[in-house]
Protein backbone atom coordinates (compact mmCIF):
# COMPACT_ATOMS: atom_id res chain seq x y z
CA MET A 1 14.85 43.15 7.98
CA ASP A 2 17.61 40.85 6.67
CA THR A 3 16.22 38.88 3.72
CA GLN A 4 17.79 35.72 5.14
CA THR A 5 15.52 35.88 8.18
CA LEU A 6 12.26 36.45 6.32
CA ILE A 7 9.59 33.97 7.28
CA LEU A 8 7.61 32.39 4.47
CA ARG A 9 4.57 34.65 4.76
CA ASP A 10 6.87 37.65 4.13
CA VAL A 11 8.10 36.16 0.83
CA PRO A 12 6.14 37.22 -2.28
CA ARG A 13 3.71 34.45 -3.25
CA GLU A 14 5.32 33.95 -6.64
CA ASP A 15 8.67 33.29 -4.94
CA ARG A 16 7.40 30.60 -2.56
CA PRO A 17 8.61 27.07 -3.43
CA ARG A 18 5.18 25.42 -3.67
CA GLU A 19 3.76 28.22 -5.79
CA ARG A 20 6.87 28.23 -8.01
CA MET A 21 6.66 24.46 -8.46
CA MET A 22 3.00 24.63 -9.47
CA ALA A 23 3.68 27.49 -11.86
CA TYR A 24 6.98 26.39 -13.42
CA GLY A 25 7.46 22.70 -12.52
CA ALA A 26 9.90 20.93 -10.22
CA ASP A 27 12.84 21.41 -12.61
CA ALA A 28 12.74 25.17 -11.99
CA LEU A 29 13.38 24.81 -8.25
CA SER A 30 16.74 24.82 -6.54
CA HIS A 31 17.85 22.05 -4.18
CA ALA A 32 17.00 24.29 -1.23
CA GLU A 33 13.52 25.05 -2.56
CA LEU A 34 12.71 21.39 -3.12
CA LEU A 35 13.98 20.58 0.36
CA ALA A 36 11.89 23.42 1.79
CA ILE A 37 8.76 21.75 0.44
CA LEU A 38 9.69 18.61 2.36
CA VAL A 39 10.36 20.43 5.65
CA ARG A 40 7.18 22.50 5.08
CA THR A 41 7.87 25.18 7.70
CA GLY A 42 10.82 27.17 8.88
CA THR A 43 11.42 28.60 12.34
CA ARG A 44 10.22 31.78 14.03
CA SER A 45 13.17 33.66 12.59
CA GLU A 46 13.72 32.09 9.15
CA SER A 47 11.83 30.78 6.17
CA ALA A 48 11.67 27.12 5.17
CA VAL A 49 13.98 27.91 2.25
CA HIS A 50 16.63 29.39 4.55
CA LEU A 51 16.30 26.41 6.89
CA ALA A 52 16.70 24.08 3.91
CA SER A 53 19.83 25.98 2.85
CA ARG A 54 21.30 25.48 6.32
CA ILE A 55 20.51 21.77 6.16
CA LEU A 56 22.36 21.45 2.86
CA GLN A 57 25.28 23.42 4.25
CA ALA A 58 25.43 21.23 7.36
CA CYS A 59 25.33 18.04 5.25
CA GLY A 60 27.78 19.25 2.63
CA GLY A 61 25.12 19.14 -0.11
CA LEU A 62 22.65 16.57 -1.40
CA ARG A 63 25.24 13.81 -1.45
CA GLY A 64 25.79 14.17 2.29
CA LEU A 65 22.08 14.38 2.99
CA VAL A 66 21.38 10.99 1.41
CA ASP A 67 22.98 9.02 4.23
CA MET A 68 22.09 11.27 7.18
CA SER A 69 20.30 9.44 9.98
CA ILE A 70 17.29 10.83 11.82
CA GLU A 71 19.50 11.39 14.87
CA GLU A 72 22.06 13.34 12.83
CA LEU A 73 19.35 15.47 11.23
CA THR A 74 17.83 16.43 14.58
CA GLU A 75 21.20 17.88 15.62
CA ILE A 76 20.61 20.66 13.08
CA ARG A 77 18.93 23.67 14.68
CA GLY A 78 15.30 23.89 13.56
CA ILE A 79 14.98 20.18 12.73
CA GLY A 80 12.92 18.14 15.16
CA PRO A 81 11.97 14.46 14.92
CA ALA A 82 8.96 15.15 12.64
CA LYS A 83 10.98 17.12 10.07
CA ALA A 84 13.82 14.60 10.26
CA VAL A 85 11.40 11.75 9.51
CA GLN A 86 9.92 13.71 6.58
CA LEU A 87 13.39 14.26 5.13
CA ARG A 88 14.45 10.64 5.56
CA ALA A 89 11.20 9.49 3.93
CA GLY A 90 11.84 11.78 0.96
CA MET A 91 15.42 10.55 0.58
CA GLU A 92 14.32 6.92 0.81
CA LEU A 93 11.64 7.41 -1.84
CA GLY A 94 14.26 8.92 -4.13
CA ARG A 95 16.62 6.02 -3.47
CA ARG A 96 13.89 3.46 -4.17
CA LEU A 97 12.84 5.26 -7.34
CA ALA A 98 16.41 5.04 -8.60
CA GLN A 99 16.28 1.26 -8.25
CA SER A 100 12.62 0.71 -9.07
CA ARG A 101 13.12 -1.82 -11.83
CA SER A 102 11.11 -5.00 -11.47
CA GLU A 103 13.48 -7.42 -9.75
CA GLU A 104 11.91 -10.57 -11.13
CA ARG A 105 12.34 -9.40 -14.72
CA TYR A 106 15.70 -7.65 -14.48
CA THR A 107 18.36 -9.79 -16.12
CA ILE A 108 22.08 -9.73 -15.38
CA ARG A 109 23.88 -10.49 -18.65
CA ARG A 110 27.12 -8.63 -17.99
CA PRO A 111 28.88 -6.74 -15.19
CA GLN A 112 27.48 -3.42 -16.45
CA ASP A 113 23.92 -4.69 -15.83
CA ALA A 114 24.64 -5.43 -12.16
CA ALA A 115 26.50 -2.15 -11.70
CA ASP A 116 23.67 -0.14 -13.29
CA TYR A 117 21.15 -1.92 -11.08
CA MET A 118 22.89 -0.99 -7.83
CA MET A 119 24.95 2.13 -8.61
CA GLU A 120 22.54 4.82 -7.41
CA SER A 121 21.71 3.04 -4.16
CA MET A 122 25.36 2.34 -3.27
CA ARG A 123 27.58 5.11 -4.68
CA TYR A 124 26.95 7.63 -1.86
CA LEU A 125 27.03 5.30 1.15
CA LYS A 126 29.43 6.41 3.89
CA LYS A 127 30.24 2.86 4.99
CA GLU A 128 31.01 -0.26 3.03
CA HIS A 129 27.89 -2.30 2.30
CA PHE A 130 28.19 -5.84 0.96
CA VAL A 131 25.19 -6.77 -1.17
CA CYS A 132 24.23 -9.97 -2.96
CA LEU A 133 21.94 -10.23 -5.97
CA PHE A 134 20.29 -13.64 -6.16
CA LEU A 135 19.59 -14.97 -9.66
CA ASN A 136 17.53 -17.82 -11.07
CA THR A 137 18.62 -20.13 -13.88
CA LYS A 138 17.76 -17.42 -16.45
CA ASN A 139 19.87 -14.84 -14.62
CA HIS A 140 16.79 -12.89 -13.55
CA VAL A 141 17.17 -11.09 -10.23
CA ILE A 142 14.89 -12.86 -7.74
CA GLY A 143 16.19 -11.22 -4.58
CA ARG A 144 18.65 -8.79 -3.06
CA GLU A 145 20.09 -8.58 0.43
CA THR A 146 22.61 -6.43 2.27
CA LEU A 147 24.67 -8.94 4.22
CA SER A 148 27.23 -6.70 5.86
CA VAL A 149 27.74 -3.07 6.78
CA GLY A 150 31.35 -2.38 7.62
CA THR A 151 33.43 0.58 8.75
CA LEU A 152 34.48 3.40 6.47
CA ASN A 153 37.11 1.22 4.82
CA ALA A 154 36.40 -2.40 5.70
CA SER A 155 33.57 -4.86 5.28
CA LEU A 156 33.38 -8.22 7.03
CA VAL A 157 31.55 -11.00 5.24
CA HIS A 158 31.47 -14.73 5.89
CA PRO A 159 30.55 -17.18 3.11
CA ARG A 160 28.17 -18.84 5.56
CA GLU A 161 25.85 -15.81 5.58
CA VAL A 162 26.10 -15.34 1.83
CA PHE A 163 25.08 -18.86 0.88
CA ARG A 164 22.51 -19.25 3.64
CA ALA A 165 20.71 -16.27 2.07
CA ALA A 166 21.22 -17.67 -1.46
CA ILE A 167 19.77 -21.06 -0.52
CA LYS A 168 16.80 -19.38 1.17
CA CYS A 169 16.04 -17.64 -2.16
CA SER A 170 16.50 -20.88 -4.12
CA SER A 171 19.17 -19.03 -6.05
CA ALA A 172 21.03 -20.68 -8.92
CA SER A 173 23.81 -18.09 -8.88
CA ILE A 174 24.79 -14.85 -7.20
CA VAL A 175 26.47 -11.56 -8.01
CA CYS A 176 28.27 -9.87 -5.11
CA LEU A 177 28.74 -6.13 -4.86
CA HIS A 178 30.24 -3.77 -2.35
CA ASN A 179 30.99 -0.07 -2.38
CA HIS A 180 34.13 1.91 -1.63
CA PRO A 181 33.13 5.12 0.20
CA SER A 182 36.29 6.81 -1.16
CA GLY A 183 34.72 6.69 -4.62
CA ASP A 184 37.66 4.68 -6.00
CA PRO A 185 36.47 1.19 -7.05
CA ALA A 186 39.97 -0.32 -7.28
CA PRO A 187 39.75 -3.71 -5.48
CA SER A 188 41.91 -4.27 -2.42
CA PRO A 189 43.84 -7.49 -1.70
CA GLU A 190 41.13 -8.27 0.90
CA ASP A 191 38.45 -7.93 -1.81
CA VAL A 192 40.29 -10.43 -3.99
CA SER A 193 40.82 -12.85 -1.09
CA LEU A 194 37.14 -12.70 -0.09
CA THR A 195 36.06 -13.31 -3.67
CA LYS A 196 38.17 -16.44 -3.93
CA ARG A 197 36.72 -17.76 -0.64
CA LEU A 198 33.19 -17.14 -1.90
CA CYS A 199 33.90 -18.90 -5.20
CA GLU A 200 35.29 -21.92 -3.37
CA ALA A 201 32.26 -22.06 -1.07
CA GLY A 202 29.95 -21.66 -4.05
CA ASP A 203 31.56 -24.64 -5.77
CA LEU A 204 30.86 -26.75 -2.68
CA VAL A 205 27.16 -25.85 -2.43
CA GLY A 206 26.49 -25.71 -6.17
CA ILE A 207 25.74 -21.99 -6.43
CA ASP A 208 27.89 -20.07 -8.90
CA VAL A 209 29.46 -16.75 -7.96
CA LEU A 210 29.18 -14.96 -11.30
CA ASP A 211 31.02 -11.81 -10.32
CA HIS A 212 32.11 -9.51 -7.53
CA ILE A 213 31.68 -5.85 -8.43
CA VAL A 214 33.18 -2.91 -6.57
CA ILE A 215 31.08 0.24 -6.77
CA GLY A 216 32.71 3.68 -6.68
CA ASP A 217 31.29 7.11 -7.37
CA GLY A 218 29.79 6.58 -10.81
CA ARG A 219 32.43 3.95 -11.62
CA PHE A 220 32.79 0.22 -11.01
CA ILE A 221 35.26 -2.60 -11.41
CA SER A 222 34.35 -6.20 -12.10
CA LEU A 223 36.74 -8.69 -10.52
CA LYS A 224 35.70 -11.21 -13.17
CA GLU A 225 36.65 -8.86 -15.99
CA GLN A 226 39.94 -8.18 -14.21
CA GLY A 227 40.72 -11.90 -14.05
CA LEU A 228 40.74 -11.82 -10.23
CA MET A 229 38.31 -14.68 -9.64
């Protein structure tokens, strides 16, 4: 029998993902083995590990899996709604863990602080997301909201939505962020134009726009540091 089509009960106990994790710890497992624990079972013709390997191949790796919807996952042979929900829940827990700092106590003192706070939740997104961090008078984060989800290369935001949300949070100031799915955080002319509109609107309502940060893949650019606002 082809080893790729072994079902889990045919795999030696010491080579099964759950047993290996209990014996050696999570660090010893491959991406496919960890994913196999989430999907729990394979199909009639393949083990959970082989199914997990196919999922990773279909998604282009872990990075692609992060933003896969339930509908997209169920298009993969062997993944039904229950497995898709389990996978999405696992990905969401990982995403939340990456940003699990206490919002009320997290302080934005410099652009790096805001970028660190949002990098892991934004760097792999396939579409542009425009996010606002709402700060109190001590620059503590008191709220966060995604105000726009655009296309692959454009995000539409109106100052009205931004400052309505800021006023609702009783925010003293805001930091705006959006991601570039290309991974390149270089701001576009539209980014600069939007930032200036937001600053003008902020002056009118008395809520400072402290910065607009563009998130790339592990990199960021602050429009304030670049002198573009």
